């Protein structure tokens, strides 16, 4: 048992791509995976979609592990372990919706009290989730979505009303992911959850290998990306406390790690402000326009 300093270089992304059929989840996952590791031979797809992962073999020589029924959590875990043992750096699970569907069918088949029967289901799902969270590889999971409805009252009647898309998985599963992208039928992605702060609030966009590269940079403590200055560089460019404070709150994940840099820049700004004020006062005194009593 040994305490270690938390380092982002040890962090691995847990990414979920959710969308309807035809949204390009598999293709997008492959491009992001390549950006994450830069080596197709280190990318594996656990394929439950009847060899659909092989449709994109022109991209590069990634590995495919076809997963046949049963789509039990244990079967998925076994597949993840095979990929880990083979030294894969990015594991794509395409799709995790079948794991939850399997458990729903299993729950429906149990006799007795429906509520207490969940105690036979939940631990199996939790072990599956734990396997994803503890994997030494980057994990990209795809999930199918379905039209979600709520019952709302209209003219005294309860009628179903469309309220967007919902992933076919357990309701709280998105809590386990660092980043969740919602894909539409035009293959455009929007971040519905983003602990990296890289994509939150950005307009819908295509996912590419560059997306994976940005995520990889974030995992490696914000190391330099050609297109975007690192947070360290942004700190050094701040010229006011307001600007520095805005940057500090924009990246809560980095606050502790970059505390010294923030404090140093704060002192630098204060020192610069004091010097500027002193110069202004001196000039005013020299010009005889204004005198300060000391």
Foldseek 3Di string as FASTA:
>chain_A
DDDDDDALLQDAFAEEEEEAPQLCQLVLLQQLLCLQPVAQCLEEEADAPVCPNVVVCVVDPHHYHDQYDPLELVSVLVVLVVSVVVNRQEYEYEACLSHQVNLVVVLVPDDDDSVVSVVVRVVRVVVSLVSQLPRSHHYYHYFYKDFDWDFDDDPNDTDTDTDDIDTSHPRPSCVSGQWYWYGYNVSWTATPHHLLLPGHPNPTDHRGSVNSNCVNCSSRVNDDDPVDGGLLVLLQVDQDPVSLVVSCVSNVVCCVVCVVSSVVSHVVNVVVVVVVVVVVQVVCVVVVVDDDDD
